[in-house]
Amino acid sequence: MKVGMFHLMILFQGISETTTQGTAFVAGMAELRCKVNNTEQLDVDRISYHWQKETSTGPEAMFEKTHNKLVKENVHKKFLNRTMILNTNWDLYLYNITIEDEGKYSCHIILKRQKWDGIHRSTFVLKVIANFSTPEIVMFPKQVNTTDLLKLECSSKHGYPKPGRMDWIVSNSTGKYNIPHIPLIAQDEVSKMYNISSNISLLITENTKVTCELLSENNVISTVTEIGMDDLNPILPMKPSNDLIYISIVPAFLILIVGFIYLKWRMKKPTSVASSQSRMRHSALPAESNDENDYPRSPCTALQHTPLCDLNPQNSSIRGTNEHLRESEEPMVTGNS
């Protein structure tokens, strides 16, 4: 309520007003100037003095001193233990600056005579700055062919306020060239700081020097990146990955196994046919008898000479047996006949 009362009282006639502005860096200190003249004539015991920040939702009390005594009840919590007053000129120091501290502040001094009379009001506009990091240039890919475009990226981080643009400076034997470029800008939702990046593609045919410059509240330029022709190595053939090697080896190995099994089967097939034919021939012959007086019943056991029996070498033993039988059956000739 006091803040509102003070805000109305300063409208009285005779009040002096000033407007100033200044800058402060994030995490640093800001000096909010009140610009009061003839402060030595002011009786601190008769003065009520306070600072407030002007916002869209209303003033936020930062510092208050009445009859030379501090009053903390009305101070907004985000300004507690962050301020210090200078009684010599009624300026206020604000510490641990954040981006949210940017804005408009007002200083009010009210003198008590027969009633509270506003005698001074000052407005101070604070601008907060966060320096961007030194821009860094990265080449993609690191190894290029002289016939390919070289992609370059320049980036800078953690700056405020929003930057304007990022320019490229390219120089070679033909001259120095400034290449403006619209960068990609992103703001962090928590810190409210900005990150910026820019990409260009260049055809490198000779020794070249490249830099990039960030145009912001405080312009920042990168270090010089020198691209020499000796540094441009040809692109090597891409080596096949292990996955491709496995994919090609496994089918070949399977084909080799199947081929080996098939060859083995083909080598065994003639023997099996010969065995089948042998079994068929033996099944056509009569079974052997255990009686020694029985003759074999094969056609070749008869006292006949057939071409089949003569040509088959397996029947040589049978022919011998038949010839022996014929000799035994011939009549024995004696000398008396």
Protein backbone atom coordinates (compact mmCIF):
# COMPACT_ATOMS: atom_id res chain seq x y z
CA MET A 1 0.00 0.00 0.00
CA LYS A 2 2.85 2.36 0.75
CA VAL A 3 4.22 1.87 -2.74
CA GLY A 4 0.89 2.88 -4.20
CA MET A 5 0.66 5.90 -1.91
CA PHE A 6 4.16 7.03 -2.86
CA HIS A 7 3.31 6.55 -6.51
CA LEU A 8 0.44 9.01 -6.20
CA MET A 9 2.25 11.56 -4.07
CA ILE A 10 5.00 12.13 -6.59
CA LEU A 11 2.51 13.78 -8.91
CA PHE A 12 2.51 16.92 -6.79
CA GLN A 13 3.76 20.12 -8.38
CA GLY A 14 7.38 21.03 -8.03
CA ILE A 15 8.66 17.50 -8.51
CA SER A 16 11.89 17.04 -10.52
CA GLU A 17 12.18 14.21 -13.00
CA THR A 18 15.14 12.64 -14.82
CA THR A 19 15.56 9.62 -17.13
CA THR A 20 18.77 7.68 -17.61
CA GLN A 21 19.76 4.27 -18.91
CA GLY A 22 22.56 1.82 -18.47
CA THR A 23 23.73 -1.75 -19.08
CA ALA A 24 24.77 -4.65 -16.92
CA PHE A 25 26.15 -8.11 -17.60
CA VAL A 26 24.56 -11.36 -16.51
CA ALA A 27 25.86 -12.45 -13.08
CA GLY A 28 27.33 -8.98 -12.60
CA MET A 29 26.21 -5.80 -10.81
CA ALA A 30 24.03 -2.91 -12.02
CA GLU A 31 24.14 0.63 -10.73
CA LEU A 32 20.66 2.17 -10.86
CA ARG A 33 21.14 5.94 -10.84
CA CYS A 34 18.65 8.19 -9.08
CA LYS A 35 20.19 11.53 -10.14
CA VAL A 36 19.18 13.60 -7.08
CA ASN A 37 20.59 17.15 -6.88
CA ASN A 38 21.48 18.92 -3.65
CA THR A 39 21.35 15.78 -1.59
CA GLU A 40 23.30 17.49 1.17
CA GLN A 41 20.30 19.76 1.80
CA LEU A 42 17.98 16.81 2.36
CA ASP A 43 17.21 15.86 5.92
CA VAL A 44 17.25 12.04 5.97
CA ASP A 45 15.03 12.02 9.05
CA ARG A 46 12.29 13.75 7.11
CA ILE A 47 12.65 11.75 3.89
CA SER A 48 10.93 8.64 2.61
CA TYR A 49 12.89 7.07 -0.17
CA HIS A 50 12.30 3.96 -2.28
CA TRP A 51 13.11 2.14 -5.56
CA GLN A 52 10.68 0.04 -7.54
CA LYS A 53 10.62 -1.88 -10.82
CA GLU A 54 7.85 -1.03 -13.25
CA THR A 55 6.12 -4.12 -14.69
CA SER A 56 2.99 -4.78 -16.69
CA THR A 57 1.27 -6.11 -13.56
CA GLY A 58 2.26 -3.16 -11.37
CA PRO A 59 5.32 -1.85 -9.47
CA GLU A 60 7.55 -4.26 -7.52
CA ALA A 61 9.22 -2.69 -4.46
CA MET A 62 12.98 -3.16 -4.36
CA PHE A 63 14.19 -0.91 -1.56
CA GLU A 64 12.51 1.37 0.98
CA LYS A 65 13.86 3.65 3.66
CA THR A 66 11.69 5.95 5.79
CA HIS A 67 13.03 8.33 8.47
CA ASN A 68 16.44 6.80 7.88
CA LYS A 69 15.19 3.29 8.71
CA LEU A 70 14.99 0.31 6.37
CA VAL A 71 11.56 -1.08 5.66
CA LYS A 72 11.65 -4.64 4.28
CA GLU A 73 8.02 -5.58 4.61
CA ASN A 74 7.13 -4.21 1.18
CA VAL A 75 10.22 -5.47 -0.68
CA HIS A 76 9.51 -8.10 -3.35
CA LYS A 77 11.09 -11.45 -2.53
CA LYS A 78 13.18 -11.59 -5.71
CA PHE A 79 15.05 -8.43 -4.64
CA LEU A 80 15.74 -9.42 -1.03
CA ASN A 81 19.45 -9.32 -0.12
CA ARG A 82 20.37 -8.14 -3.62
CA THR A 83 20.49 -4.36 -3.18
CA MET A 84 22.63 -1.70 -1.53
CA ILE A 85 21.93 2.03 -1.34
CA LEU A 86 24.43 4.86 -1.71
CA ASN A 87 23.35 7.70 0.58
CA THR A 88 25.63 10.15 -1.18
CA ASN A 89 23.58 10.22 -4.39
CA TRP A 90 20.71 7.82 -3.63
CA ASP A 91 21.81 5.39 -6.33
CA LEU A 92 21.02 1.72 -5.85
CA TYR A 93 23.30 -1.26 -6.53
CA LEU A 94 21.60 -4.44 -7.76
CA TYR A 95 23.67 -7.65 -7.60
CA ASN A 96 23.54 -11.06 -9.30
CA ILE A 97 21.97 -9.72 -12.46
CA THR A 98 19.76 -12.04 -14.50
CA ILE A 99 18.06 -11.51 -17.83
CA GLU A 100 14.76 -11.05 -16.00
CA ASP A 101 16.20 -7.93 -14.32
CA GLU A 102 16.12 -6.11 -17.64
CA GLY A 103 13.53 -3.33 -17.69
CA LYS A 104 12.49 0.03 -16.27
CA TYR A 105 13.12 1.15 -12.67
CA SER A 106 12.07 4.28 -10.82
CA CYS A 107 13.48 6.15 -7.83
CA HIS A 108 11.14 8.18 -5.59
CA ILE A 109 12.05 10.69 -2.87
CA ILE A 110 9.31 12.23 -0.73
CA LEU A 111 9.92 14.99 1.81
CA LYS A 112 7.68 15.49 4.83
CA ARG A 113 6.87 19.11 5.51
CA GLN A 114 3.38 19.84 6.68
CA LYS A 115 2.44 16.84 4.57
CA TRP A 116 4.26 14.37 2.33
CA ASP A 117 5.40 16.18 -0.80
CA GLY A 118 7.07 14.49 -3.72
CA ILE A 119 10.26 16.31 -4.57
CA HIS A 120 12.05 13.97 -6.95
CA ARG A 121 11.45 11.05 -9.34
CA SER A 122 13.97 9.40 -11.60
CA THR A 123 13.54 6.67 -14.22
CA PHE A 124 16.33 4.27 -15.07
CA VAL A 125 16.20 1.84 -18.02
CA LEU A 126 18.41 -1.23 -17.53
CA LYS A 127 19.64 -3.29 -20.44
CA VAL A 128 21.10 -6.72 -19.65
CA ILE A 129 23.84 -8.27 -21.79
CA ALA A 130 25.31 -11.78 -21.90
CA ASN A 131 28.38 -12.13 -24.08
CA PHE A 132 28.24 -14.87 -26.67
CA SER A 133 30.99 -17.44 -26.69
CA THR A 134 33.75 -17.07 -29.26
CA PRO A 135 32.40 -18.49 -32.54
CA GLU A 136 33.89 -21.83 -33.54
CA ILE A 137 34.23 -23.16 -37.08
CA VAL A 138 33.94 -26.88 -37.82
CA MET A 139 34.53 -28.57 -41.19
CA PHE A 140 32.30 -31.43 -42.44
CA PRO A 141 33.69 -33.79 -43.58
CA LYS A 142 37.24 -33.37 -42.29
CA GLN A 143 38.66 -35.13 -45.34
CA VAL A 144 37.42 -33.88 -48.69
CA ASN A 145 38.24 -34.21 -52.32
CA THR A 146 39.26 -31.08 -54.20
CA THR A 147 36.26 -31.50 -56.47
CA ASP A 148 33.75 -31.60 -53.62
CA LEU A 149 32.11 -28.77 -51.70
CA LEU A 150 33.44 -28.24 -48.20
CA LYS A 151 30.71 -27.68 -45.62
CA LEU A 152 31.55 -25.29 -42.77
CA GLU A 153 29.55 -24.60 -39.62
CA CYS A 154 30.07 -21.66 -37.26
CA SER A 155 28.33 -21.62 -33.88
CA SER A 156 28.19 -19.47 -30.75
CA LYS A 157 26.30 -20.01 -27.48
CA HIS A 158 24.83 -18.45 -24.34
CA GLY A 159 24.34 -14.87 -25.44
CA TYR A 160 21.79 -12.11 -24.92
CA PRO A 161 20.03 -10.19 -26.40
CA LYS A 162 18.99 -11.84 -29.64
CA PRO A 163 21.78 -11.44 -32.20
CA GLY A 164 21.35 -9.80 -35.56
CA ARG A 165 23.20 -12.04 -38.00
CA MET A 166 26.38 -14.00 -38.61
CA ASP A 167 28.71 -13.13 -41.50
CA TRP A 168 31.42 -15.21 -43.17
CA ILE A 169 34.71 -13.73 -44.34
CA VAL A 170 36.55 -15.78 -46.98
CA SER A 171 39.92 -14.73 -48.38
CA ASN A 172 42.26 -16.29 -50.95
CA SER A 173 44.60 -15.12 -53.72
CA THR A 174 41.71 -13.47 -55.60
CA GLY A 175 40.61 -11.24 -52.72
CA LYS A 176 38.54 -11.01 -49.54
CA TYR A 177 34.82 -11.71 -49.60
CA ASN A 178 32.09 -10.98 -47.04
CA ILE A 179 29.24 -13.49 -47.19
CA PRO A 180 26.14 -12.47 -45.17
CA HIS A 181 24.07 -15.40 -44.00
CA ILE A 182 20.80 -15.83 -42.14
CA PRO A 183 21.66 -18.00 -39.11
CA LEU A 184 19.64 -20.46 -37.09
CA ILE A 185 18.76 -18.90 -33.70
CA ALA A 186 17.30 -20.74 -30.71
CA GLN A 187 16.44 -19.43 -27.22
CA ASP A 188 16.74 -21.47 -24.06
CA GLU A 189 13.42 -21.50 -22.22
CA VAL A 190 15.02 -21.45 -18.76
CA SER A 191 18.02 -19.13 -19.05
CA LYS A 192 16.45 -17.02 -21.87
CA MET A 193 19.85 -16.98 -23.58
CA TYR A 194 20.37 -17.52 -27.29
CA ASN A 195 22.39 -20.03 -29.32
CA ILE A 196 23.25 -19.29 -32.93
CA SER A 197 24.72 -21.30 -35.81
CA SER A 198 25.36 -20.79 -39.52
CA ASN A 199 26.33 -23.17 -42.38
CA ILE A 200 27.91 -22.53 -45.76
CA SER A 201 29.46 -24.73 -48.48
CA LEU A 202 32.60 -23.68 -50.33
CA LEU A 203 34.49 -25.07 -53.29
CA ILE A 204 38.14 -25.03 -52.18
CA THR A 205 40.59 -24.84 -55.09
CA GLU A 206 43.50 -23.11 -53.35
CA ASN A 207 44.78 -22.14 -49.92
CA THR A 208 41.92 -20.31 -48.20
CA LYS A 209 41.31 -18.48 -44.92
CA VAL A 210 37.86 -18.45 -43.36
CA THR A 211 36.42 -16.58 -40.37
CA CYS A 212 32.91 -15.90 -39.12
CA GLU A 213 31.66 -12.84 -37.23
CA LEU A 214 28.66 -12.66 -34.91
CA LEU A 215 26.92 -9.30 -35.09
CA SER A 216 25.25 -8.70 -31.73
CA GLU A 217 25.35 -6.21 -28.86
CA ASN A 218 29.08 -6.84 -28.68
CA ASN A 219 30.35 -8.16 -32.00
CA VAL A 220 32.41 -11.33 -31.64
CA ILE A 221 34.67 -12.78 -34.32
CA SER A 222 36.06 -16.30 -34.56
CA THR A 223 39.68 -17.27 -34.92
CA VAL A 224 40.98 -17.68 -38.47
CA THR A 225 40.55 -21.14 -39.97
CA GLU A 226 43.20 -21.84 -42.59
CA ILE A 227 42.40 -24.47 -45.22
CA GLY A 228 45.48 -25.55 -47.15
CA MET A 229 45.49 -27.77 -50.22
CA ASP A 230 47.94 -30.08 -48.46
CA ASP A 231 45.34 -30.59 -45.75
CA LEU A 232 42.69 -31.77 -48.20
CA ASN A 233 43.18 -35.52 -48.34
CA PRO A 234 41.30 -37.53 -50.97
CA ILE A 235 38.34 -39.43 -49.74
CA LEU A 236 39.34 -43.03 -49.16
CA PRO A 237 37.08 -45.86 -50.40
CA MET A 238 34.60 -46.75 -47.78
CA LYS A 239 35.56 -49.96 -46.03
CA PRO A 240 32.81 -52.54 -45.83
CA SER A 241 31.37 -52.88 -42.42
CA ASN A 242 31.50 -56.09 -40.43
CA ASP A 243 27.79 -56.59 -41.03
CA LEU A 244 28.32 -56.65 -44.80
CA ILE A 245 31.17 -59.13 -44.40
CA TYR A 246 29.00 -61.44 -42.32
CA ILE A 247 26.10 -61.14 -44.76
CA SER A 248 28.33 -62.19 -47.68
CA ILE A 249 30.22 -64.98 -45.88
CA VAL A 250 27.24 -66.86 -44.38
CA PRO A 251 25.44 -67.58 -47.69
CA ALA A 252 28.74 -68.65 -49.31
CA PHE A 253 29.43 -71.00 -46.42
CA LEU A 254 25.95 -72.52 -46.67
CA ILE A 255 26.35 -73.00 -50.43
CA LEU A 256 29.71 -74.72 -49.85
CA ILE A 257 28.19 -77.16 -47.33
CA VAL A 258 25.25 -77.99 -49.61
CA GLY A 259 27.63 -78.58 -52.55
CA PHE A 260 29.83 -80.87 -50.44
CA ILE A 261 26.83 -82.95 -49.35
CA TYR A 262 25.60 -83.20 -52.93
CA LEU A 263 29.00 -84.39 -54.23
CA LYS A 264 29.17 -86.99 -51.49
CA TRP A 265 25.75 -88.27 -52.44
CA ARG A 266 26.72 -88.48 -56.12
CA MET A 267 29.86 -90.48 -55.31
CA LYS A 268 27.86 -93.02 -53.30
CA LYS A 269 25.11 -93.48 -55.90
CA PRO A 270 26.98 -95.88 -58.41
CA THR A 271 28.03 -98.23 -55.59
CA SER A 272 24.45 -98.44 -54.42
CA VAL A 273 23.28 -99.32 -57.94
CA ALA A 274 25.96 -102.02 -58.29
CA SER A 275 24.98 -103.48 -54.94
CA SER A 276 21.36 -103.57 -55.99
CA GLN A 277 22.23 -105.36 -59.23
CA SER A 278 24.39 -107.91 -57.35
CA ARG A 279 21.56 -108.61 -54.94
CA MET A 280 19.21 -109.17 -57.85
CA ARG A 281 21.60 -111.73 -59.48
CA HIS A 282 22.09 -113.68 -56.27
CA SER A 283 18.36 -113.78 -55.68
CA ALA A 284 17.99 -115.50 -59.10
CA LEU A 285 20.35 -118.35 -58.11
CA PRO A 286 19.01 -121.33 -56.13
CA ALA A 287 19.77 -121.53 -52.50
CA GLU A 288 22.84 -123.58 -51.54
CA SER A 289 22.16 -127.02 -50.14
CA ASN A 290 23.81 -128.47 -47.09
CA ASP A 291 23.81 -131.94 -48.64
CA GLU A 292 27.15 -132.75 -50.25
CA ASN A 293 25.47 -135.14 -52.72
CA ASP A 294 23.17 -132.48 -54.08
CA TYR A 295 24.27 -130.67 -57.17
CA PRO A 296 23.83 -126.93 -57.58
CA ARG A 297 20.67 -126.11 -59.37
CA SER A 298 22.10 -123.31 -61.35
CA PRO A 299 21.66 -123.71 -65.08
CA CYS A 300 25.39 -123.83 -65.29
CA THR A 301 25.54 -127.00 -63.10
CA ALA A 302 23.97 -129.05 -65.82
CA LEU A 303 26.32 -130.92 -68.04
CA GLN A 304 25.90 -128.29 -70.63
CA HIS A 305 28.14 -125.59 -71.90
CA THR A 306 26.14 -122.48 -72.53
CA PRO A 307 27.60 -119.18 -73.61
CA LEU A 308 26.36 -117.55 -70.45
CA CYS A 309 28.19 -120.08 -68.28
CA ASP A 310 31.34 -119.89 -70.33
CA LEU A 311 31.45 -116.12 -70.38
CA ASN A 312 30.72 -115.51 -66.70
CA PRO A 313 34.01 -115.65 -64.80
CA GLN A 314 32.10 -116.26 -61.58
CA ASN A 315 31.08 -119.73 -62.89
CA SER A 316 34.64 -120.97 -63.41
CA SER A 317 34.52 -123.08 -60.25
CA ILE A 318 31.18 -124.58 -61.31
CA ARG A 319 32.56 -125.54 -64.75
CA GLY A 320 35.47 -127.29 -63.08
CA THR A 321 33.08 -129.28 -60.97
CA ASN A 322 31.03 -130.36 -64.01
CA GLU A 323 34.08 -131.47 -65.96
CA HIS A 324 35.19 -133.59 -63.00
CA LEU A 325 31.79 -135.24 -62.89
CA ARG A 326 31.87 -136.05 -66.61
CA GLU A 327 35.27 -137.72 -66.31
CA SER A 328 34.04 -139.86 -63.44
CA GLU A 329 31.04 -141.02 -65.43
CA GLU A 330 33.07 -142.21 -68.45
CA PRO A 331 33.68 -145.98 -68.50
CA MET A 332 37.04 -147.09 -67.32
CA VAL A 333 39.04 -148.77 -70.10
CA THR A 334 41.31 -151.62 -69.02
CA GLY A 335 44.12 -153.23 -70.85
CA ASN A 336 42.20 -156.50 -71.54
CA SER A 337 39.71 -154.78 -73.77
